[in-house]
mmCIF file of all heavy atoms, coordinates in Angstrom:
data_MODEL
# 
_entry.id   MODEL 
# 
loop_
_atom_site.group_PDB 
_atom_site.id 
_atom_site.type_symbol 
_atom_site.label_atom_id 
_atom_site.label_alt_id 
_atom_site.label_comp_id 
_atom_site.label_asym_id 
_atom_site.label_entity_id 
_atom_site.label_seq_id 
_atom_site.pdbx_PDB_ins_code 
_atom_site.Cartn_x 
_atom_site.Cartn_y 
_atom_site.Cartn_z 
_atom_site.occupancy 
_atom_site.B_iso_or_equiv 
_atom_site.pdbx_formal_charge 
_atom_site.auth_seq_id 
_atom_site.auth_comp_id 
_atom_site.auth_asym_id 
_atom_site.auth_atom_id 
_atom_site.pdbx_PDB_model_num 
ATOM 1   N N   . LYS A 1 1  ? 232.294 170.203 118.335 1.00 0.00 ? 1  LYS A N   1 
ATOM 2   C CA  . LYS A 1 1  ? 232.455 169.508 117.084 1.00 0.00 ? 1  LYS A CA  1 
ATOM 3   C C   . LYS A 1 1  ? 232.628 170.543 116.004 1.00 0.00 ? 1  LYS A C   1 
ATOM 4   O O   . LYS A 1 1  ? 231.773 171.442 115.788 1.00 0.00 ? 1  LYS A O   1 
ATOM 5   C CB  . LYS A 1 1  ? 231.270 168.599 116.672 1.00 0.00 ? 1  LYS A CB  1 
ATOM 6   C CG  . LYS A 1 1  ? 231.477 167.925 115.330 1.00 0.00 ? 1  LYS A CG  1 
ATOM 7   C CD  . LYS A 1 1  ? 230.244 167.047 114.927 1.00 0.00 ? 1  LYS A CD  1 
ATOM 8   C CE  . LYS A 1 1  ? 229.153 168.002 114.298 1.00 0.00 ? 1  LYS A CE  1 
ATOM 9   N NZ  . LYS A 1 1  ? 228.035 167.186 113.876 1.00 0.00 ? 1  LYS A NZ  1 
ATOM 10  N N   . CYS A 1 2  ? 233.741 170.489 115.273 1.00 0.00 ? 2  CYS A N   1 
ATOM 11  C CA  . CYS A 1 2  ? 234.038 171.583 114.181 1.00 0.00 ? 2  CYS A CA  1 
ATOM 12  C C   . CYS A 1 2  ? 233.574 171.178 112.749 1.00 0.00 ? 2  CYS A C   1 
ATOM 13  O O   . CYS A 1 2  ? 233.429 172.113 111.950 1.00 0.00 ? 2  CYS A O   1 
ATOM 14  C CB  . CYS A 1 2  ? 235.382 171.887 114.245 1.00 0.00 ? 2  CYS A CB  1 
ATOM 15  S SG  . CYS A 1 2  ? 236.550 170.632 113.708 1.00 0.00 ? 2  CYS A SG  1 
ATOM 16  N N   . ASN A 1 3  ? 233.324 169.830 112.583 1.00 0.00 ? 3  ASN A N   1 
ATOM 17  C CA  . ASN A 1 3  ? 233.092 169.404 111.192 1.00 0.00 ? 3  ASN A CA  1 
ATOM 18  C C   . ASN A 1 3  ? 234.428 169.291 110.486 1.00 0.00 ? 3  ASN A C   1 
ATOM 19  O O   . ASN A 1 3  ? 235.366 170.069 110.773 1.00 0.00 ? 3  ASN A O   1 
ATOM 20  C CB  . ASN A 1 3  ? 232.074 170.114 110.366 1.00 0.00 ? 3  ASN A CB  1 
ATOM 21  C CG  . ASN A 1 3  ? 230.688 169.927 110.865 1.00 0.00 ? 3  ASN A CG  1 
ATOM 22  O OD1 . ASN A 1 3  ? 230.267 168.900 111.247 1.00 0.00 ? 3  ASN A OD1 1 
ATOM 23  N ND2 . ASN A 1 3  ? 229.918 171.117 110.984 1.00 0.00 ? 3  ASN A ND2 1 
ATOM 24  N N   . PRO A 1 4  ? 234.578 168.357 109.539 1.00 0.00 ? 4  PRO A N   1 
ATOM 25  C CA  . PRO A 1 4  ? 235.946 168.056 108.921 1.00 0.00 ? 4  PRO A CA  1 
ATOM 26  C C   . PRO A 1 4  ? 236.438 169.287 108.096 1.00 0.00 ? 4  PRO A C   1 
ATOM 27  O O   . PRO A 1 4  ? 235.525 170.079 107.453 1.00 0.00 ? 4  PRO A O   1 
ATOM 28  C CB  . PRO A 1 4  ? 235.534 166.869 108.016 1.00 0.00 ? 4  PRO A CB  1 
ATOM 29  C CG  . PRO A 1 4  ? 234.466 166.169 108.687 1.00 0.00 ? 4  PRO A CG  1 
ATOM 30  C CD  . PRO A 1 4  ? 233.580 167.263 109.179 1.00 0.00 ? 4  PRO A CD  1 
ATOM 31  N N   . GLY A 1 5  ? 237.697 169.426 107.910 1.00 0.00 ? 5  GLY A N   1 
ATOM 32  C CA  . GLY A 1 5  ? 238.237 170.451 107.103 1.00 0.00 ? 5  GLY A CA  1 
ATOM 33  C C   . GLY A 1 5  ? 238.862 171.636 107.798 1.00 0.00 ? 5  GLY A C   1 
ATOM 34  O O   . GLY A 1 5  ? 238.493 171.928 108.948 1.00 0.00 ? 5  GLY A O   1 
ATOM 35  N N   . LYS A 1 6  ? 239.814 172.282 107.223 1.00 0.00 ? 6  LYS A N   1 
ATOM 36  C CA  . LYS A 1 6  ? 240.569 173.356 107.877 1.00 0.00 ? 6  LYS A CA  1 
ATOM 37  C C   . LYS A 1 6  ? 239.801 174.632 108.174 1.00 0.00 ? 6  LYS A C   1 
ATOM 38  O O   . LYS A 1 6  ? 239.927 175.252 109.194 1.00 0.00 ? 6  LYS A O   1 
ATOM 39  C CB  . LYS A 1 6  ? 241.904 173.616 107.028 1.00 0.00 ? 6  LYS A CB  1 
ATOM 40  C CG  . LYS A 1 6  ? 242.809 172.467 106.888 1.00 0.00 ? 6  LYS A CG  1 
ATOM 41  C CD  . LYS A 1 6  ? 244.159 172.980 106.335 1.00 0.00 ? 6  LYS A CD  1 
ATOM 42  C CE  . LYS A 1 6  ? 244.044 173.439 104.886 1.00 0.00 ? 6  LYS A CE  1 
ATOM 43  N NZ  . LYS A 1 6  ? 245.254 174.038 104.360 1.00 0.00 ? 6  LYS A NZ  1 
ATOM 44  N N   . VAL A 1 7  ? 238.955 174.998 107.249 1.00 0.00 ? 7  VAL A N   1 
ATOM 45  C CA  . VAL A 1 7  ? 238.142 176.229 107.457 1.00 0.00 ? 7  VAL A CA  1 
ATOM 46  C C   . VAL A 1 7  ? 237.278 175.980 108.611 1.00 0.00 ? 7  VAL A C   1 
ATOM 47  O O   . VAL A 1 7  ? 237.101 176.860 109.451 1.00 0.00 ? 7  VAL A O   1 
ATOM 48  C CB  . VAL A 1 7  ? 237.383 176.606 106.116 1.00 0.00 ? 7  VAL A CB  1 
ATOM 49  C CG1 . VAL A 1 7  ? 236.410 177.732 106.441 1.00 0.00 ? 7  VAL A CG1 1 
ATOM 50  C CG2 . VAL A 1 7  ? 238.363 177.069 105.082 1.00 0.00 ? 7  VAL A CG2 1 
ATOM 51  N N   . ASN A 1 8  ? 236.509 174.888 108.647 1.00 0.00 ? 8  ASN A N   1 
ATOM 52  C CA  . ASN A 1 8  ? 235.574 174.561 109.780 1.00 0.00 ? 8  ASN A CA  1 
ATOM 53  C C   . ASN A 1 8  ? 236.377 174.502 111.050 1.00 0.00 ? 8  ASN A C   1 
ATOM 54  O O   . ASN A 1 8  ? 235.889 174.986 112.062 1.00 0.00 ? 8  ASN A O   1 
ATOM 55  C CB  . ASN A 1 8  ? 234.956 173.213 109.489 1.00 0.00 ? 8  ASN A CB  1 
ATOM 56  C CG  . ASN A 1 8  ? 233.864 173.320 108.396 1.00 0.00 ? 8  ASN A CG  1 
ATOM 57  O OD1 . ASN A 1 8  ? 233.297 174.223 108.253 1.00 0.00 ? 8  ASN A OD1 1 
ATOM 58  N ND2 . ASN A 1 8  ? 233.692 172.203 107.626 1.00 0.00 ? 8  ASN A ND2 1 
ATOM 59  N N   . ALA A 1 9  ? 237.541 173.916 111.001 1.00 0.00 ? 9  ALA A N   1 
ATOM 60  C CA  . ALA A 1 9  ? 238.340 173.772 112.265 1.00 0.00 ? 9  ALA A CA  1 
ATOM 61  C C   . ALA A 1 9  ? 238.751 175.168 112.754 1.00 0.00 ? 9  ALA A C   1 
ATOM 62  O O   . ALA A 1 9  ? 238.769 175.451 113.987 1.00 0.00 ? 9  ALA A O   1 
ATOM 63  C CB  . ALA A 1 9  ? 239.517 172.891 111.970 1.00 0.00 ? 9  ALA A CB  1 
ATOM 64  N N   . ALA A 1 10 ? 239.214 176.000 111.845 1.00 0.00 ? 10 ALA A N   1 
ATOM 65  C CA  . ALA A 1 10 ? 239.698 177.378 112.202 1.00 0.00 ? 10 ALA A CA  1 
ATOM 66  C C   . ALA A 1 10 ? 238.524 178.192 112.732 1.00 0.00 ? 10 ALA A C   1 
ATOM 67  O O   . ALA A 1 10 ? 238.706 178.859 113.734 1.00 0.00 ? 10 ALA A O   1 
ATOM 68  C CB  . ALA A 1 10 ? 240.343 178.056 111.010 1.00 0.00 ? 10 ALA A CB  1 
ATOM 69  N N   . LEU A 1 11 ? 237.383 178.134 112.109 1.00 0.00 ? 11 LEU A N   1 
ATOM 70  C CA  . LEU A 1 11 ? 236.196 178.904 112.567 1.00 0.00 ? 11 LEU A CA  1 
ATOM 71  C C   . LEU A 1 11 ? 235.786 178.525 113.999 1.00 0.00 ? 11 LEU A C   1 
ATOM 72  O O   . LEU A 1 11 ? 235.659 179.385 114.783 1.00 0.00 ? 11 LEU A O   1 
ATOM 73  C CB  . LEU A 1 11 ? 235.049 178.654 111.568 1.00 0.00 ? 11 LEU A CB  1 
ATOM 74  C CG  . LEU A 1 11 ? 233.845 179.344 111.868 1.00 0.00 ? 11 LEU A CG  1 
ATOM 75  C CD1 . LEU A 1 11 ? 233.919 180.816 111.464 1.00 0.00 ? 11 LEU A CD1 1 
ATOM 76  C CD2 . LEU A 1 11 ? 232.651 178.793 110.981 1.00 0.00 ? 11 LEU A CD2 1 
ATOM 77  N N   . CYS A 1 12 ? 235.777 177.213 114.241 1.00 0.00 ? 12 CYS A N   1 
ATOM 78  C CA  . CYS A 1 12 ? 235.310 176.678 115.537 1.00 0.00 ? 12 CYS A CA  1 
ATOM 79  C C   . CYS A 1 12 ? 236.387 177.112 116.586 1.00 0.00 ? 12 CYS A C   1 
ATOM 80  O O   . CYS A 1 12 ? 235.999 177.534 117.648 1.00 0.00 ? 12 CYS A O   1 
ATOM 81  C CB  . CYS A 1 12 ? 235.167 175.144 115.448 1.00 0.00 ? 12 CYS A CB  1 
ATOM 82  S SG  . CYS A 1 12 ? 234.697 174.469 117.032 1.00 0.00 ? 12 CYS A SG  1 
ATOM 83  N N   . THR A 1 13 ? 237.630 177.069 116.280 1.00 0.00 ? 13 THR A N   1 
ATOM 84  C CA  . THR A 1 13 ? 238.709 177.334 117.291 1.00 0.00 ? 13 THR A CA  1 
ATOM 85  C C   . THR A 1 13 ? 238.664 178.792 117.634 1.00 0.00 ? 13 THR A C   1 
ATOM 86  O O   . THR A 1 13 ? 238.760 179.037 118.736 1.00 0.00 ? 13 THR A O   1 
ATOM 87  C CB  . THR A 1 13 ? 240.059 177.051 116.648 1.00 0.00 ? 13 THR A CB  1 
ATOM 88  O OG1 . THR A 1 13 ? 240.093 175.653 116.193 1.00 0.00 ? 13 THR A OG1 1 
ATOM 89  C CG2 . THR A 1 13 ? 241.151 177.357 117.675 1.00 0.00 ? 13 THR A CG2 1 
ATOM 90  N N   . GLN A 1 14 ? 238.492 179.706 116.561 1.00 0.00 ? 14 GLN A N   1 
ATOM 91  C CA  . GLN A 1 14 ? 238.495 181.093 116.923 1.00 0.00 ? 14 GLN A CA  1 
ATOM 92  C C   . GLN A 1 14 ? 237.210 181.539 117.731 1.00 0.00 ? 14 GLN A C   1 
ATOM 93  O O   . GLN A 1 14 ? 237.261 182.318 118.672 1.00 0.00 ? 14 GLN A O   1 
ATOM 94  C CB  . GLN A 1 14 ? 238.601 181.946 115.624 1.00 0.00 ? 14 GLN A CB  1 
ATOM 95  C CG  . GLN A 1 14 ? 238.717 183.396 115.961 1.00 0.00 ? 14 GLN A CG  1 
ATOM 96  C CD  . GLN A 1 14 ? 240.138 183.737 116.490 1.00 0.00 ? 14 GLN A CD  1 
ATOM 97  O OE1 . GLN A 1 14 ? 241.101 183.399 115.899 1.00 0.00 ? 14 GLN A OE1 1 
ATOM 98  N NE2 . GLN A 1 14 ? 239.991 184.356 117.636 1.00 0.00 ? 14 GLN A NE2 1 
ATOM 99  N N   . ALA A 1 15 ? 236.083 180.856 117.439 1.00 0.00 ? 15 ALA A N   1 
ATOM 100 C CA  . ALA A 1 15 ? 234.848 181.112 118.156 1.00 0.00 ? 15 ALA A CA  1 
ATOM 101 C C   . ALA A 1 15 ? 235.005 180.681 119.622 1.00 0.00 ? 15 ALA A C   1 
ATOM 102 O O   . ALA A 1 15 ? 234.553 181.347 120.522 1.00 0.00 ? 15 ALA A O   1 
ATOM 103 C CB  . ALA A 1 15 ? 233.647 180.417 117.523 1.00 0.00 ? 15 ALA A CB  1 
ATOM 104 N N   . MET A 1 16 ? 235.671 179.497 119.772 1.00 0.00 ? 16 MET A N   1 
ATOM 105 C CA  . MET A 1 16 ? 235.951 178.996 121.216 1.00 0.00 ? 16 MET A CA  1 
ATOM 106 C C   . MET A 1 16 ? 236.767 179.906 121.960 1.00 0.00 ? 16 MET A C   1 
ATOM 107 O O   . MET A 1 16 ? 236.602 180.269 123.167 1.00 0.00 ? 16 MET A O   1 
ATOM 108 C CB  . MET A 1 16 ? 236.552 177.555 121.093 1.00 0.00 ? 16 MET A CB  1 
ATOM 109 C CG  . MET A 1 16 ? 236.781 177.020 122.466 1.00 0.00 ? 16 MET A CG  1 
ATOM 110 S SD  . MET A 1 16 ? 237.305 175.248 122.453 1.00 0.00 ? 16 MET A SD  1 
ATOM 111 C CE  . MET A 1 16 ? 235.869 174.301 122.063 1.00 0.00 ? 16 MET A CE  1 
ATOM 112 N N   . ILE A 1 17 ? 237.878 180.443 121.314 1.00 0.00 ? 17 ILE A N   1 
ATOM 113 C CA  . ILE A 1 17 ? 238.789 181.413 121.998 1.00 0.00 ? 17 ILE A CA  1 
ATOM 114 C C   . ILE A 1 17 ? 238.077 182.558 122.350 1.00 0.00 ? 17 ILE A C   1 
ATOM 115 O O   . ILE A 1 17 ? 238.251 183.244 123.450 1.00 0.00 ? 17 ILE A O   1 
ATOM 116 C CB  . ILE A 1 17 ? 240.015 181.586 121.080 1.00 0.00 ? 17 ILE A CB  1 
ATOM 117 C CG1 . ILE A 1 17 ? 240.930 180.271 120.978 1.00 0.00 ? 17 ILE A CG1 1 
ATOM 118 C CG2 . ILE A 1 17 ? 240.881 182.745 121.617 1.00 0.00 ? 17 ILE A CG2 1 
ATOM 119 C CD1 . ILE A 1 17 ? 241.934 180.303 119.999 1.00 0.00 ? 17 ILE A CD1 1 
ATOM 120 N N   . ASP A 1 18 ? 237.339 183.145 121.446 1.00 0.00 ? 18 ASP A N   1 
ATOM 121 C CA  . ASP A 1 18 ? 236.683 184.460 121.615 1.00 0.00 ? 18 ASP A CA  1 
ATOM 122 C C   . ASP A 1 18 ? 235.618 184.425 122.612 1.00 0.00 ? 18 ASP A C   1 
ATOM 123 O O   . ASP A 1 18 ? 235.414 185.509 123.381 1.00 0.00 ? 18 ASP A O   1 
ATOM 124 C CB  . ASP A 1 18 ? 236.093 185.040 120.263 1.00 0.00 ? 18 ASP A CB  1 
ATOM 125 C CG  . ASP A 1 18 ? 237.091 185.375 119.219 1.00 0.00 ? 18 ASP A CG  1 
ATOM 126 O OD1 . ASP A 1 18 ? 238.307 185.595 119.604 1.00 0.00 ? 18 ASP A OD1 1 
ATOM 127 O OD2 . ASP A 1 18 ? 236.743 185.469 118.022 1.00 0.00 ? 18 ASP A OD2 1 
ATOM 128 N N   . ASN A 1 19 ? 234.954 183.393 122.885 1.00 0.00 ? 19 ASN A N   1 
ATOM 129 C CA  . ASN A 1 19 ? 233.666 183.331 123.599 1.00 0.00 ? 19 ASN A CA  1 
ATOM 130 C C   . ASN A 1 19 ? 233.877 182.658 124.945 1.00 0.00 ? 19 ASN A C   1 
ATOM 131 O O   . ASN A 1 19 ? 233.080 182.816 125.828 1.00 0.00 ? 19 ASN A O   1 
ATOM 132 C CB  . ASN A 1 19 ? 232.610 182.696 122.878 1.00 0.00 ? 19 ASN A CB  1 
ATOM 133 C CG  . ASN A 1 19 ? 232.067 183.606 121.658 1.00 0.00 ? 19 ASN A CG  1 
ATOM 134 O OD1 . ASN A 1 19 ? 231.489 184.628 121.884 1.00 0.00 ? 19 ASN A OD1 1 
ATOM 135 N ND2 . ASN A 1 19 ? 232.531 183.116 120.482 1.00 0.00 ? 19 ASN A ND2 1 
ATOM 136 N N   . PHE A 1 20 ? 234.994 181.774 125.092 1.00 0.00 ? 20 PHE A N   1 
ATOM 137 C CA  . PHE A 1 20 ? 235.031 180.980 126.348 1.00 0.00 ? 20 PHE A CA  1 
ATOM 138 C C   . PHE A 1 20 ? 236.282 181.229 127.131 1.00 0.00 ? 20 PHE A C   1 
ATOM 139 O O   . PHE A 1 20 ? 236.502 180.539 128.172 1.00 0.00 ? 20 PHE A O   1 
ATOM 140 C CB  . PHE A 1 20 ? 234.725 179.468 126.030 1.00 0.00 ? 20 PHE A CB  1 
ATOM 141 C CG  . PHE A 1 20 ? 233.420 179.271 125.466 1.00 0.00 ? 20 PHE A CG  1 
ATOM 142 C CD1 . PHE A 1 20 ? 233.271 179.166 123.984 1.00 0.00 ? 20 PHE A CD1 1 
ATOM 143 C CD2 . PHE A 1 20 ? 232.299 179.236 126.176 1.00 0.00 ? 20 PHE A CD2 1 
ATOM 144 C CE1 . PHE A 1 20 ? 232.047 178.985 123.508 1.00 0.00 ? 20 PHE A CE1 1 
ATOM 145 C CE2 . PHE A 1 20 ? 231.017 179.015 125.649 1.00 0.00 ? 20 PHE A CE2 1 
ATOM 146 C CZ  . PHE A 1 20 ? 230.959 178.783 124.277 1.00 0.00 ? 20 PHE A CZ  1 
ATOM 147 N N   . GLY A 1 21 ? 237.251 182.017 126.651 1.00 0.00 ? 21 GLY A N   1 
ATOM 148 C CA  . GLY A 1 21 ? 238.462 182.291 127.363 1.00 0.00 ? 21 GLY A CA  1 
ATOM 149 C C   . GLY A 1 21 ? 239.277 181.049 127.740 1.00 0.00 ? 21 GLY A C   1 
ATOM 150 O O   . GLY A 1 21 ? 239.769 181.038 128.912 1.00 0.00 ? 21 GLY A O   1 
ATOM 151 N N   . ILE A 1 22 ? 239.412 180.186 126.856 1.00 0.00 ? 22 ILE A N   1 
ATOM 152 C CA  . ILE A 1 22 ? 240.077 178.955 127.215 1.00 0.00 ? 22 ILE A CA  1 
ATOM 153 C C   . ILE A 1 22 ? 241.532 179.200 127.350 1.00 0.00 ? 22 ILE A C   1 
ATOM 154 O O   . ILE A 1 22 ? 242.081 180.149 126.826 1.00 0.00 ? 22 ILE A O   1 
ATOM 155 C CB  . ILE A 1 22 ? 239.864 177.844 126.103 1.00 0.00 ? 22 ILE A CB  1 
ATOM 156 C CG1 . ILE A 1 22 ? 240.335 178.404 124.666 1.00 0.00 ? 22 ILE A CG1 1 
ATOM 157 C CG2 . ILE A 1 22 ? 238.354 177.344 125.982 1.00 0.00 ? 22 ILE A CG2 1 
ATOM 158 C CD1 . ILE A 1 22 ? 240.487 177.341 123.716 1.00 0.00 ? 22 ILE A CD1 1 
ATOM 159 N N   . SER A 1 23 ? 242.182 178.434 128.262 1.00 0.00 ? 23 SER A N   1 
ATOM 160 C CA  . SER A 1 23 ? 243.630 178.621 128.511 1.00 0.00 ? 23 SER A CA  1 
ATOM 161 C C   . SER A 1 23 ? 244.508 177.636 127.715 1.00 0.00 ? 23 SER A C   1 
ATOM 162 O O   . SER A 1 23 ? 245.677 177.839 127.636 1.00 0.00 ? 23 SER A O   1 
ATOM 163 C CB  . SER A 1 23 ? 243.785 178.359 129.998 1.00 0.00 ? 23 SER A CB  1 
ATOM 164 O OG  . SER A 1 23 ? 243.437 177.042 130.382 1.00 0.00 ? 23 SER A OG  1 
ATOM 165 N N   . ALA A 1 24 ? 243.915 176.621 127.227 1.00 0.00 ? 24 ALA A N   1 
ATOM 166 C CA  . ALA A 1 24 ? 244.636 175.634 126.361 1.00 0.00 ? 24 ALA A CA  1 
ATOM 167 C C   . ALA A 1 24 ? 243.570 174.886 125.552 1.00 0.00 ? 24 ALA A C   1 
ATOM 168 O O   . ALA A 1 24 ? 242.436 174.851 125.980 1.00 0.00 ? 24 ALA A O   1 
ATOM 169 C CB  . ALA A 1 24 ? 245.476 174.705 127.113 1.00 0.00 ? 24 ALA A CB  1 
ATOM 170 N N   . LEU A 1 25 ? 243.975 174.264 124.469 1.00 0.00 ? 25 LEU A N   1 
ATOM 171 C CA  . LEU A 1 25 ? 243.175 173.523 123.581 1.00 0.00 ? 25 LEU A CA  1 
ATOM 172 C C   . LEU A 1 25 ? 243.734 172.234 123.116 1.00 0.00 ? 25 LEU A C   1 
ATOM 173 O O   . LEU A 1 25 ? 244.882 172.127 122.759 1.00 0.00 ? 25 LEU A O   1 
ATOM 174 C CB  . LEU A 1 25 ? 242.750 174.403 122.346 1.00 0.00 ? 25 LEU A CB  1 
ATOM 175 C CG  . LEU A 1 25 ? 241.573 173.998 121.529 1.00 0.00 ? 25 LEU A CG  1 
ATOM 176 C CD1 . LEU A 1 25 ? 240.914 175.194 120.816 1.00 0.00 ? 25 LEU A CD1 1 
ATOM 177 C CD2 . LEU A 1 25 ? 242.015 172.986 120.351 1.00 0.00 ? 25 LEU A CD2 1 
ATOM 178 N N   . ILE A 1 26 ? 242.921 171.069 123.030 1.00 0.00 ? 26 ILE A N   1 
ATOM 179 C CA  . ILE A 1 26 ? 243.338 169.864 122.614 1.00 0.00 ? 26 ILE A CA  1 
ATOM 180 C C   . ILE A 1 26 ? 242.359 169.511 121.333 1.00 0.00 ? 26 ILE A C   1 
ATOM 181 O O   . ILE A 1 26 ? 241.246 169.596 121.394 1.00 0.00 ? 26 ILE A O   1 
ATOM 182 C CB  . ILE A 1 26 ? 243.229 168.719 123.543 1.00 0.00 ? 26 ILE A CB  1 
ATOM 183 C CG1 . ILE A 1 26 ? 244.106 168.963 124.780 1.00 0.00 ? 26 ILE A CG1 1 
ATOM 184 C CG2 . ILE A 1 26 ? 243.418 167.389 123.000 1.00 0.00 ? 26 ILE A CG2 1 
ATOM 185 C CD1 . ILE A 1 26 ? 243.899 168.068 125.942 1.00 0.00 ? 26 ILE A CD1 1 
ATOM 186 N N   . ASN A 1 27 ? 243.057 169.148 120.238 1.00 0.00 ? 27 ASN A N   1 
ATOM 187 C CA  . ASN A 1 27 ? 242.302 168.658 119.111 1.00 0.00 ? 27 ASN A CA  1 
ATOM 188 C C   . ASN A 1 27 ? 242.517 167.110 119.089 1.00 0.00 ? 27 ASN A C   1 
ATOM 189 O O   . ASN A 1 27 ? 243.465 166.675 119.132 1.00 0.00 ? 27 ASN A O   1 
ATOM 190 C CB  . ASN A 1 27 ? 242.970 169.257 117.830 1.00 0.00 ? 27 ASN A CB  1 
ATOM 191 C CG  . ASN A 1 27 ? 242.297 168.639 116.558 1.00 0.00 ? 27 ASN A CG  1 
ATOM 192 O OD1 . ASN A 1 27 ? 242.971 168.475 115.501 1.00 0.00 ? 27 ASN A OD1 1 
ATOM 193 N ND2 . ASN A 1 27 ? 240.914 168.417 116.524 1.00 0.00 ? 27 ASN A ND2 1 
ATOM 194 N N   . VAL A 1 28 ? 241.305 166.498 119.118 1.00 0.00 ? 28 VAL A N   1 
ATOM 195 C CA  . VAL A 1 28 ? 241.211 165.005 119.291 1.00 0.00 ? 28 VAL A CA  1 
ATOM 196 C C   . VAL A 1 28 ? 240.592 164.365 118.085 1.00 0.00 ? 28 VAL A C   1 
ATOM 197 O O   . VAL A 1 28 ? 239.554 164.943 117.532 1.00 0.00 ? 28 VAL A O   1 
ATOM 198 C CB  . VAL A 1 28 ? 240.651 164.607 120.602 1.00 0.00 ? 28 VAL A CB  1 
ATOM 199 C CG1 . VAL A 1 28 ? 239.229 165.019 120.623 1.00 0.00 ? 28 VAL A CG1 1 
ATOM 200 C CG2 . VAL A 1 28 ? 240.689 163.202 120.911 1.00 0.00 ? 28 VAL A CG2 1 
ATOM 201 N N   . GLY A 1 29 ? 241.012 163.213 117.704 1.00 0.00 ? 29 GLY A N   1 
ATOM 202 C CA  . GLY A 1 29 ? 240.239 162.441 116.646 1.00 0.00 ? 29 GLY A CA  1 
ATOM 203 C C   . GLY A 1 29 ? 241.038 161.355 116.099 1.00 0.00 ? 29 GLY A C   1 
ATOM 204 O O   . GLY A 1 29 ? 242.022 160.753 116.681 1.00 0.00 ? 29 GLY A O   1 
# 
């Protein structure tokens, strides 16, 4: 869960990419 808003979303996305080596990402809601 990133919390609403673009900064929150960007922060969460970069943390996920950096720490979990994801191969693809879906934003749902």
